[in-house]
Amino acid sequence: AFTDFLVVQFRDAVARIGADRIGAFVGEPVQASGGVIVPPDGYLRRIREICRENDILYISDEVVTGFGRLGHVFASGDVFDIDPDMITFAKGITSGYFPLGGVIISERLLEQLRRSNHP
């Protein structure tokens, strides 16, 4: 029931703002800055579906959850069964020994970049 409420709130926000005015949804698979807050079952999958339906990028912030911290390389796909358009990561890639971050993009975004002739 709570997941349904959250999904309705997100869907309403997309309708109110307009999908064409929303560049991306950015979310952590597990929120760490406000405590360790695990999303309700199915929440991330349903938000991902809404993003896909409305051509809104889904960016998964895996700075905290990536590289084994939840027992898998990335939480998005392995734990929550979603396929984000982008994954941001840092910290865990070097085990915290060296400051490094990066981004992984989907094949779809890679193809769009190739077609854009952007260097």
Protein backbone atom coordinates (compact mmCIF):
# COMPACT_ATOMS: atom_id res chain seq x y z
CA ALA A 1 0.00 0.00 0.00
CA PHE A 2 2.82 2.44 0.83
CA THR A 3 4.55 1.60 -2.46
CA ASP A 4 1.30 2.35 -4.31
CA PHE A 5 1.08 5.72 -2.54
CA LEU A 6 4.66 6.62 -3.50
CA VAL A 7 4.14 5.56 -7.11
CA VAL A 8 0.97 7.67 -7.38
CA GLN A 9 2.87 10.65 -5.96
CA PHE A 10 5.62 10.23 -8.55
CA ARG A 11 3.20 9.70 -11.43
CA ASP A 12 1.24 12.81 -10.37
CA ALA A 13 4.45 14.86 -10.19
CA VAL A 14 5.42 13.77 -13.71
CA ALA A 15 1.96 14.72 -14.99
CA ARG A 16 1.97 18.07 -13.16
CA ILE A 17 5.47 19.10 -14.22
CA GLY A 18 5.40 17.49 -17.64
CA ALA A 19 7.64 14.61 -18.67
CA ASP A 20 9.23 16.78 -21.35
CA ARG A 21 10.50 19.10 -18.59
CA ILE A 22 12.08 16.34 -16.47
CA GLY A 23 15.60 15.36 -17.44
CA ALA A 24 16.10 12.48 -15.05
CA PHE A 25 15.15 10.69 -11.87
CA VAL A 26 18.19 10.24 -9.62
CA GLY A 27 17.96 7.86 -6.71
CA GLU A 28 20.06 5.73 -4.40
CA PRO A 29 19.07 2.04 -4.30
CA VAL A 30 19.44 2.31 -0.51
CA GLN A 31 19.39 5.79 0.96
CA ALA A 32 22.45 6.29 3.12
CA SER A 33 22.56 9.99 3.94
CA GLY A 34 19.44 9.92 6.13
CA GLY A 35 20.15 6.55 7.68
CA VAL A 36 20.07 3.18 5.96
CA ILE A 37 16.65 3.39 4.34
CA VAL A 38 15.71 0.45 2.11
CA PRO A 39 12.93 1.19 -0.39
CA PRO A 40 9.65 -0.74 -0.17
CA ASP A 41 9.35 -3.88 -2.30
CA GLY A 42 8.78 -3.06 -5.95
CA TYR A 43 9.22 0.70 -5.55
CA LEU A 44 12.34 1.10 -7.67
CA ARG A 45 11.00 -1.19 -10.43
CA ARG A 46 7.77 0.76 -10.65
CA ILE A 47 9.55 4.13 -10.69
CA ARG A 48 11.80 2.75 -13.43
CA GLU A 49 8.72 1.73 -15.46
CA ILE A 50 7.25 5.23 -15.16
CA CYS A 51 10.55 6.75 -16.25
CA ARG A 52 10.70 4.43 -19.26
CA GLU A 53 7.07 5.18 -20.22
CA ASN A 54 7.80 8.92 -20.11
CA ASP A 55 11.29 8.91 -21.65
CA ILE A 56 12.85 10.14 -18.38
CA LEU A 57 16.38 8.98 -17.64
CA TYR A 58 16.74 6.77 -14.58
CA ILE A 59 20.06 7.40 -12.84
CA SER A 60 21.08 5.09 -10.03
CA ASP A 61 23.49 6.65 -7.54
CA GLU A 62 25.59 3.69 -6.41
CA VAL A 63 28.32 5.68 -4.66
CA VAL A 64 27.41 3.94 -1.40
CA THR A 65 25.87 0.66 -2.60
CA GLY A 66 28.24 -0.23 -5.44
CA PHE A 67 31.16 -2.62 -5.56
CA GLY A 68 30.05 -5.25 -3.11
CA ARG A 69 28.58 -3.29 -0.25
CA LEU A 70 25.28 -5.17 -0.61
CA GLY A 71 26.92 -8.42 -1.65
CA HIS A 72 26.84 -7.69 -5.39
CA VAL A 73 28.76 -5.45 -7.76
CA PHE A 74 25.78 -3.13 -8.18
CA ALA A 75 22.55 -3.07 -6.18
CA SER A 76 20.38 -1.74 -9.00
CA GLY A 77 20.32 -4.87 -11.12
CA ASP A 78 21.46 -7.58 -8.75
CA VAL A 79 19.41 -6.65 -5.68
CA PHE A 80 16.50 -4.56 -7.00
CA ASP A 81 16.16 -5.96 -10.54
CA ILE A 82 16.21 -2.63 -12.39
CA ASP A 83 18.24 -1.53 -15.41
CA PRO A 84 19.11 2.14 -15.00
CA ASP A 85 20.12 4.35 -17.91
CA MET A 86 23.13 5.48 -15.88
CA ILE A 87 24.94 4.32 -12.77
CA THR A 88 27.18 6.69 -10.84
CA PHE A 89 29.84 5.21 -8.58
CA ALA A 90 32.79 6.16 -6.39
CA LYS A 91 34.44 5.18 -3.10
CA GLY A 92 34.05 1.39 -3.41
CA ILE A 93 35.83 1.15 -6.76
CA THR A 94 39.13 1.82 -4.98
CA SER A 95 38.04 0.59 -1.54
CA GLY A 96 38.36 4.19 -0.40
CA TYR A 97 42.15 4.29 -0.88
CA PHE A 98 42.09 6.80 -3.73
CA PRO A 99 39.44 9.36 -4.70
CA LEU A 100 37.84 8.13 -7.91
CA GLY A 101 34.35 8.21 -9.35
CA GLY A 102 32.73 7.31 -12.61
CA VAL A 103 29.59 6.69 -14.57
CA ILE A 104 28.29 3.74 -16.56
CA ILE A 105 25.77 4.40 -19.32
CA SER A 106 23.34 2.08 -21.08
CA GLU A 107 23.75 0.93 -24.67
CA ARG A 108 20.81 3.17 -25.62
CA LEU A 109 22.57 6.28 -24.30
CA LEU A 110 25.84 5.22 -25.88
CA GLU A 111 24.14 4.95 -29.27
CA GLN A 112 22.58 8.39 -28.83
CA LEU A 113 26.01 9.84 -28.04
CA ARG A 114 27.51 8.17 -31.10
CA ARG A 115 24.75 9.54 -33.36
CA SER A 116 25.20 13.04 -31.94
CA ASN A 117 28.80 13.21 -33.23
CA HIS A 118 29.77 14.70 -29.87
CA PRO A 119 33.51 14.22 -29.24
